[in-house]
Amino acid sequence: MDALIKKVNTGVFNSKPVVVMPISVWDKMRGKIDEMQEDLEMYMSENYKKNILKSRASKKIYTSDQVRKKLGL
């Protein structure tokens, strides 16, 4: 992430702070932001938490073939 930040310039436009960066840097940062947003939404979901607890309590084991079949791979 530090390498990306080095390519970013800050400035002022119409008395407001702005950030100028190459599109490639923005695309990488946007991808990371999207992943973090998805993680945050998952962790804040009560259903997600309940499903995790239920899965951890379960002793059911799946073979790799069963997993592929369930996922449609």
PDB file of N, CA and C in Angstrom:
ATOM      1  N   MET A   1       0.826  -1.190   0.000  1.00  0.00           N
ATOM      2  CA  MET A   1       0.000   0.000   0.000  1.00  0.00           C
ATOM      3  C   MET A   1       0.873   1.257   0.000  1.00  0.00           C
ATOM      4  N   ASP A   2       2.029   1.203   0.669  1.00  0.00           N
ATOM      5  CA  ASP A   2       2.909   2.369   0.696  1.00  0.00           C
ATOM      6  C   ASP A   2       3.369   2.757  -0.697  1.00  0.00           C
ATOM      7  N   ALA A   3       3.602   1.753  -1.550  1.00  0.00           N
ATOM      8  CA  ALA A   3       4.029   2.039  -2.920  1.00  0.00           C
ATOM      9  C   ALA A   3       2.935   2.784  -3.673  1.00  0.00           C
ATOM     10  N   LEU A   4       1.683   2.450  -3.398  1.00  0.00           N
ATOM     11  CA  LEU A   4       0.570   3.144  -4.051  1.00  0.00           C
ATOM     12  C   LEU A   4       0.475   4.584  -3.564  1.00  0.00           C
ATOM     13  N   ILE A   5       0.657   4.780  -2.272  1.00  0.00           N
ATOM     14  CA  ILE A   5       0.532   6.113  -1.685  1.00  0.00           C
ATOM     15  C   ILE A   5       1.599   7.059  -2.248  1.00  0.00           C
ATOM     16  N   LYS A   6       2.769   6.543  -2.566  1.00  0.00           N
ATOM     17  CA  LYS A   6       3.838   7.386  -3.103  1.00  0.00           C
ATOM     18  C   LYS A   6       3.481   7.983  -4.459  1.00  0.00           C
ATOM     19  N   LYS A   7       2.552   7.359  -5.171  1.00  0.00           N
ATOM     20  CA  LYS A   7       2.148   7.848  -6.491  1.00  0.00           C
ATOM     21  C   LYS A   7       1.019   8.867  -6.413  1.00  0.00           C
ATOM     22  N   VAL A   8       0.563   9.182  -5.201  1.00  0.00           N
ATOM     23  CA  VAL A   8      -0.568  10.078  -4.991  1.00  0.00           C
ATOM     24  C   VAL A   8      -0.061  11.481  -4.671  1.00  0.00           C
ATOM     25  N   ASN A   9      -0.681  12.471  -5.294  1.00  0.00           N
ATOM     26  CA  ASN A   9      -0.367  13.877  -5.011  1.00  0.00           C
ATOM     27  C   ASN A   9      -1.603  14.545  -4.427  1.00  0.00           C
ATOM     28  N   THR A  10      -1.374  15.460  -3.511  1.00  0.00           N
ATOM     29  CA  THR A  10      -2.493  16.219  -2.942  1.00  0.00           C
ATOM     30  C   THR A  10      -2.359  17.667  -3.360  1.00  0.00           C
ATOM     31  N   GLY A  11      -3.462  18.346  -3.356  1.00  0.00           N
ATOM     32  CA  GLY A  11      -3.452  19.748  -3.728  1.00  0.00           C
ATOM     33  C   GLY A  11      -4.751  20.409  -3.319  1.00  0.00           C
ATOM     34  N   VAL A  12      -4.974  21.599  -3.849  1.00  0.00           N
ATOM     35  CA  VAL A  12      -6.181  22.364  -3.545  1.00  0.00           C
ATOM     36  C   VAL A  12      -6.796  22.799  -4.860  1.00  0.00           C
ATOM     37  N   PHE A  13      -8.109  22.644  -4.973  1.00  0.00           N
ATOM     38  CA  PHE A  13      -8.843  23.068  -6.157  1.00  0.00           C
ATOM     39  C   PHE A  13     -10.113  23.751  -5.683  1.00  0.00           C
ATOM     40  N   ASN A  14     -10.310  25.002  -6.067  1.00  0.00           N
ATOM     41  CA  ASN A  14     -11.467  25.787  -5.608  1.00  0.00           C
ATOM     42  C   ASN A  14     -11.560  25.778  -4.079  1.00  0.00           C
ATOM     43  N   SER A  15     -10.449  25.970  -3.428  1.00  0.00           N
ATOM     44  CA  SER A  15     -10.353  26.035  -1.962  1.00  0.00           C
ATOM     45  C   SER A  15     -10.690  24.723  -1.266  1.00  0.00           C
ATOM     46  N   LYS A  16     -10.709  23.625  -2.006  1.00  0.00           N
ATOM     47  CA  LYS A  16     -11.013  22.325  -1.397  1.00  0.00           C
ATOM     48  C   LYS A  16      -9.854  21.374  -1.646  1.00  0.00           C
ATOM     49  N   PRO A  17      -9.538  20.549  -0.635  1.00  0.00           N
ATOM     50  CA  PRO A  17      -8.440  19.586  -0.837  1.00  0.00           C
ATOM     51  C   PRO A  17      -8.818  18.534  -1.870  1.00  0.00           C
ATOM     52  N   VAL A  18      -7.860  18.174  -2.705  1.00  0.00           N
ATOM     53  CA  VAL A  18      -8.075  17.148  -3.723  1.00  0.00           C
ATOM     54  C   VAL A  18      -6.910  16.159  -3.708  1.00  0.00           C
ATOM     55  N   VAL A  19      -7.169  14.981  -4.240  1.00  0.00           N
ATOM     56  CA  VAL A  19      -6.152  13.949  -4.381  1.00  0.00           C
ATOM     57  C   VAL A  19      -6.062  13.600  -5.857  1.00  0.00           C
ATOM     58  N   VAL A  20      -4.841  13.585  -6.376  1.00  0.00           N
ATOM     59  CA  VAL A  20      -4.613  13.258  -7.773  1.00  0.00           C
ATOM     60  C   VAL A  20      -3.766  11.992  -7.816  1.00  0.00           C
ATOM     61  N   MET A  21      -4.270  10.984  -8.561  1.00  0.00           N
ATOM     62  CA  MET A  21      -3.533   9.719  -8.662  1.00  0.00           C
ATOM     63  C   MET A  21      -3.787   9.089 -10.020  1.00  0.00           C
ATOM     64  N   PRO A  22      -2.878   8.240 -10.449  1.00  0.00           N
ATOM     65  CA  PRO A  22      -3.097   7.523 -11.708  1.00  0.00           C
ATOM     66  C   PRO A  22      -4.300   6.582 -11.589  1.00  0.00           C
ATOM     67  N   ILE A  23      -4.978   6.353 -12.699  1.00  0.00           N
ATOM     68  CA  ILE A  23      -6.148   5.470 -12.718  1.00  0.00           C
ATOM     69  C   ILE A  23      -5.772   4.079 -12.205  1.00  0.00           C
ATOM     70  N   SER A  24      -4.592   3.586 -12.561  1.00  0.00           N
ATOM     71  CA  SER A  24      -4.189   2.243 -12.127  1.00  0.00           C
ATOM     72  C   SER A  24      -4.114   2.168 -10.596  1.00  0.00           C
ATOM     73  N   VAL A  25      -3.648   3.231  -9.968  1.00  0.00           N
ATOM     74  CA  VAL A  25      -3.586   3.264  -8.501  1.00  0.00           C
ATOM     75  C   VAL A  25      -4.999   3.294  -7.936  1.00  0.00           C
ATOM     76  N   TRP A  26      -5.865   4.123  -8.516  1.00  0.00           N
ATOM     77  CA  TRP A  26      -7.249   4.203  -8.059  1.00  0.00           C
ATOM     78  C   TRP A  26      -7.937   2.839  -8.171  1.00  0.00           C
ATOM     79  N   ASP A  27      -7.734   2.145  -9.284  1.00  0.00           N
ATOM     80  CA  ASP A  27      -8.361   0.838  -9.471  1.00  0.00           C
ATOM     81  C   ASP A  27      -7.925  -0.143  -8.376  1.00  0.00           C
ATOM     82  N   LYS A  28      -6.636  -0.147  -8.047  1.00  0.00           N
ATOM     83  CA  LYS A  28      -6.140  -1.036  -6.997  1.00  0.00           C
ATOM     84  C   LYS A  28      -6.725  -0.658  -5.642  1.00  0.00           C
ATOM     85  N   MET A  29      -6.735   0.638  -5.353  1.00  0.00           N
ATOM     86  CA  MET A  29      -7.265   1.095  -4.064  1.00  0.00           C
ATOM     87  C   MET A  29      -8.767   0.832  -3.987  1.00  0.00           C
ATOM     88  N   ARG A  30      -9.470   1.044  -5.073  1.00  0.00           N
ATOM     89  CA  ARG A  30     -10.923   0.820  -5.096  1.00  0.00           C
ATOM     90  C   ARG A  30     -11.229  -0.655  -4.839  1.00  0.00           C
ATOM     91  N   GLY A  31     -10.431  -1.544  -5.415  1.00  0.00           N
ATOM     92  CA  GLY A  31     -10.607  -2.970  -5.177  1.00  0.00           C
ATOM     93  C   GLY A  31     -10.450  -3.311  -3.702  1.00  0.00           C
ATOM     94  N   LYS A  32      -9.442  -2.733  -3.063  1.00  0.00           N
ATOM     95  CA  LYS A  32      -9.223  -2.978  -1.637  1.00  0.00           C
ATOM     96  C   LYS A  32     -10.372  -2.402  -0.805  1.00  0.00           C
ATOM     97  N   ILE A  33     -10.849  -1.222  -1.181  1.00  0.00           N
ATOM     98  CA  ILE A  33     -11.963  -0.602  -0.464  1.00  0.00           C
ATOM     99  C   ILE A  33     -13.215  -1.461  -0.589  1.00  0.00           C
ATOM    100  N   ASP A  34     -13.486  -1.976  -1.785  1.00  0.00           N
ATOM    101  CA  ASP A  34     -14.658  -2.836  -1.993  1.00  0.00           C
ATOM    102  C   ASP A  34     -14.584  -4.096  -1.136  1.00  0.00           C
ATOM    103  N   GLU A  35     -13.390  -4.714  -1.074  1.00  0.00           N
ATOM    104  CA  GLU A  35     -13.219  -5.909  -0.247  1.00  0.00           C
ATOM    105  C   GLU A  35     -13.466  -5.590   1.219  1.00  0.00           C
ATOM    106  N   MET A  36     -12.937  -4.472   1.673  1.00  0.00           N
ATOM    107  CA  MET A  36     -13.122  -4.086   3.074  1.00  0.00           C
ATOM    108  C   MET A  36     -14.596  -3.811   3.374  1.00  0.00           C
ATOM    109  N   GLN A  37     -15.305  -3.199   2.427  1.00  0.00           N
ATOM    110  CA  GLN A  37     -16.729  -2.917   2.601  1.00  0.00           C
ATOM    111  C   GLN A  37     -17.519  -4.218   2.725  1.00  0.00           C
ATOM    112  N   GLU A  38     -17.207  -5.189   1.868  1.00  0.00           N
ATOM    113  CA  GLU A  38     -17.882  -6.482   1.929  1.00  0.00           C
ATOM    114  C   GLU A  38     -17.611  -7.172   3.267  1.00  0.00           C
ATOM    115  N   ASP A  39     -16.357  -7.117   3.711  1.00  0.00           N
ATOM    116  CA  ASP A  39     -16.009  -7.722   5.004  1.00  0.00           C
ATOM    117  C   ASP A  39     -16.791  -7.063   6.133  1.00  0.00           C
ATOM    118  N   LEU A  40     -16.858  -5.741   6.114  1.00  0.00           N
ATOM    119  CA  LEU A  40     -17.578  -5.010   7.149  1.00  0.00           C
ATOM    120  C   LEU A  40     -19.054  -5.395   7.176  1.00  0.00           C
ATOM    121  N   GLU A  41     -19.662  -5.484   5.993  1.00  0.00           N
ATOM    122  CA  GLU A  41     -21.073  -5.867   5.925  1.00  0.00           C
ATOM    123  C   GLU A  41     -21.287  -7.280   6.458  1.00  0.00           C
ATOM    124  N   MET A  42     -20.362  -8.190   6.154  1.00  0.00           N
ATOM    125  CA  MET A  42     -20.484  -9.563   6.653  1.00  0.00           C
ATOM    126  C   MET A  42     -20.394  -9.587   8.169  1.00  0.00           C
ATOM    127  N   TYR A  43     -19.399  -8.895   8.714  1.00  0.00           N
ATOM    128  CA  TYR A  43     -19.167  -8.941  10.147  1.00  0.00           C
ATOM    129  C   TYR A  43     -20.282  -8.264  10.938  1.00  0.00           C
ATOM    130  N   MET A  44     -20.983  -7.333  10.315  1.00  0.00           N
ATOM    131  CA  MET A  44     -22.075  -6.643  11.003  1.00  0.00           C
ATOM    132  C   MET A  44     -23.398  -7.406  10.900  1.00  0.00           C
ATOM    133  N   SER A  45     -23.438  -8.437  10.079  1.00  0.00           N
ATOM    134  CA  SER A  45     -24.664  -9.204   9.858  1.00  0.00           C
ATOM    135  C   SER A  45     -24.874 -10.219  10.982  1.00  0.00           C
ATOM    136  N   GLU A  46     -26.037 -10.171  11.605  1.00  0.00           N
ATOM    137  CA  GLU A  46     -26.368 -11.136  12.659  1.00  0.00           C
ATOM    138  C   GLU A  46     -26.478 -12.546  12.081  1.00  0.00           C
ATOM    139  N   ASN A  47     -27.062 -12.674  10.890  1.00  0.00           N
ATOM    140  CA  ASN A  47     -27.177 -13.986  10.258  1.00  0.00           C
ATOM    141  C   ASN A  47     -25.803 -14.586   9.985  1.00  0.00           C
ATOM    142  N   TYR A  48     -24.876 -13.757   9.556  1.00  0.00           N
ATOM    143  CA  TYR A  48     -23.513 -14.214   9.285  1.00  0.00           C
ATOM    144  C   TYR A  48     -22.892 -14.771  10.562  1.00  0.00           C
ATOM    145  N   LYS A  49     -23.042 -14.036  11.658  1.00  0.00           N
ATOM    146  CA  LYS A  49     -22.479 -14.475  12.930  1.00  0.00           C
ATOM    147  C   LYS A  49     -23.111 -15.782  13.393  1.00  0.00           C
ATOM    148  N   LYS A  50     -24.423 -15.881  13.254  1.00  0.00           N
ATOM    149  CA  LYS A  50     -25.124 -17.102  13.658  1.00  0.00           C
ATOM    150  C   LYS A  50     -24.669 -18.292  12.818  1.00  0.00           C
ATOM    151  N   ASN A  51     -24.525 -18.084  11.516  1.00  0.00           N
ATOM    152  CA  ASN A  51     -24.086 -19.163  10.629  1.00  0.00           C
ATOM    153  C   ASN A  51     -22.659 -19.615  10.950  1.00  0.00           C
ATOM    154  N   ILE A  52     -21.800 -18.681  11.309  1.00  0.00           N
ATOM    155  CA  ILE A  52     -20.427 -19.033  11.687  1.00  0.00           C
ATOM    156  C   ILE A  52     -20.447 -19.883  12.952  1.00  0.00           C
ATOM    157  N   LEU A  53     -21.200 -19.460  13.959  1.00  0.00           N
ATOM    158  CA  LEU A  53     -21.286 -20.227  15.208  1.00  0.00           C
ATOM    159  C   LEU A  53     -21.858 -21.621  14.959  1.00  0.00           C
ATOM    160  N   LYS A  54     -22.879 -21.682  14.124  1.00  0.00           N
ATOM    161  CA  LYS A  54     -23.495 -22.969  13.798  1.00  0.00           C
ATOM    162  C   LYS A  54     -22.488 -23.880  13.081  1.00  0.00           C
ATOM    163  N   SER A  55     -21.754 -23.321  12.144  1.00  0.00           N
ATOM    164  CA  SER A  55     -20.766 -24.106  11.397  1.00  0.00           C
ATOM    165  C   SER A  55     -19.647 -24.604  12.302  1.00  0.00           C
ATOM    166  N   ARG A  56     -19.203 -23.753  13.215  1.00  0.00           N
ATOM    167  CA  ARG A  56     -18.129 -24.160  14.122  1.00  0.00           C
ATOM    168  C   ARG A  56     -18.585 -25.267  15.069  1.00  0.00           C
ATOM    169  N   ALA A  57     -19.866 -25.248  15.437  1.00  0.00           N
ATOM    170  CA  ALA A  57     -20.397 -26.267  16.344  1.00  0.00           C
ATOM    171  C   ALA A  57     -20.630 -27.591  15.617  1.00  0.00           C
ATOM    172  N   SER A  58     -20.813 -27.523  14.309  1.00  0.00           N
ATOM    173  CA  SER A  58     -21.090 -28.720  13.522  1.00  0.00           C
ATOM    174  C   SER A  58     -19.831 -29.581  13.391  1.00  0.00           C
ATOM    175  N   LYS A  59     -20.019 -30.863  13.455  1.00  0.00           N
ATOM    176  CA  LYS A  59     -18.891 -31.798  13.307  1.00  0.00           C
ATOM    177  C   LYS A  59     -18.918 -32.470  11.937  1.00  0.00           C
ATOM    178  N   LYS A  60     -19.799 -31.995  11.057  1.00  0.00           N
ATOM    179  CA  LYS A  60     -19.932 -32.594   9.738  1.00  0.00           C
ATOM    180  C   LYS A  60     -18.689 -32.289   8.901  1.00  0.00           C
ATOM    181  N   ILE A  61     -18.215 -33.307   8.222  1.00  0.00           N
ATOM    182  CA  ILE A  61     -17.033 -33.182   7.374  1.00  0.00           C
ATOM    183  C   ILE A  61     -17.436 -33.497   5.936  1.00  0.00           C
ATOM    184  N   TYR A  62     -16.942 -32.677   5.005  1.00  0.00           N
ATOM    185  CA  TYR A  62     -17.231 -32.874   3.585  1.00  0.00           C
ATOM    186  C   TYR A  62     -15.940 -33.252   2.861  1.00  0.00           C
ATOM    187  N   THR A  63     -16.055 -34.170   1.913  1.00  0.00           N
ATOM    188  CA  THR A  63     -14.910 -34.492   1.062  1.00  0.00           C
ATOM    189  C   THR A  63     -14.767 -33.399   0.011  1.00  0.00           C
ATOM    190  N   SER A  64     -13.620 -33.351  -0.625  1.00  0.00           N
ATOM    191  CA  SER A  64     -13.408 -32.339  -1.659  1.00  0.00           C
ATOM    192  C   SER A  64     -14.401 -32.516  -2.813  1.00  0.00           C
ATOM    193  N   ASP A  65     -14.745 -33.768  -3.126  1.00  0.00           N
ATOM    194  CA  ASP A  65     -15.734 -34.008  -4.193  1.00  0.00           C
ATOM    195  C   ASP A  65     -17.104 -33.467  -3.803  1.00  0.00           C
ATOM    196  N   GLN A  66     -17.482 -33.635  -2.541  1.00  0.00           N
ATOM    197  CA  GLN A  66     -18.777 -33.107  -2.070  1.00  0.00           C
ATOM    198  C   GLN A  66     -18.791 -31.583  -2.134  1.00  0.00           C
ATOM    199  N   VAL A  67     -17.689 -30.970  -1.773  1.00  0.00           N
ATOM    200  CA  VAL A  67     -17.600 -29.511  -1.804  1.00  0.00           C
ATOM    201  C   VAL A  67     -17.724 -29.013  -3.239  1.00  0.00           C
ATOM    202  N   ARG A  68     -17.009 -29.658  -4.164  1.00  0.00           N
ATOM    203  CA  ARG A  68     -17.091 -29.258  -5.575  1.00  0.00           C
ATOM    204  C   ARG A  68     -18.524 -29.378  -6.094  1.00  0.00           C
ATOM    205  N   LYS A  69     -19.189 -30.464  -5.702  1.00  0.00           N
ATOM    206  CA  LYS A  69     -20.569 -30.689  -6.156  1.00  0.00           C
ATOM    207  C   LYS A  69     -21.493 -29.608  -5.590  1.00  0.00           C
ATOM    208  N   LYS A  70     -21.333 -29.287  -4.295  1.00  0.00           N
ATOM    209  CA  LYS A  70     -22.168 -28.252  -3.673  1.00  0.00           C
ATOM    210  C   LYS A  70     -21.947 -26.887  -4.330  1.00  0.00           C
ATOM    211  N   LEU A  71     -20.710 -26.606  -4.704  1.00  0.00           N
ATOM    212  CA  LEU A  71     -20.384 -25.331  -5.319  1.00  0.00           C
ATOM    213  C   LEU A  71     -20.627 -25.314  -6.826  1.00  0.00           C
ATOM    214  N   GLY A  72     -20.947 -26.465  -7.370  1.00  0.00           N
ATOM    215  CA  GLY A  72     -21.210 -26.543  -8.805  1.00  0.00           C
ATOM    216  C   GLY A  72     -19.948 -26.416  -9.644  1.00  0.00           C
ATOM    217  N   LEU A  73     -18.846 -26.896  -9.119  1.00  0.00           N
ATOM    218  CA  LEU A  73     -17.582 -26.803  -9.865  1.00  0.00           C
ATOM    219  C   LEU A  73     -17.271 -28.059 -10.609  1.00  0.00           C
TER     220      LEU A  73
END
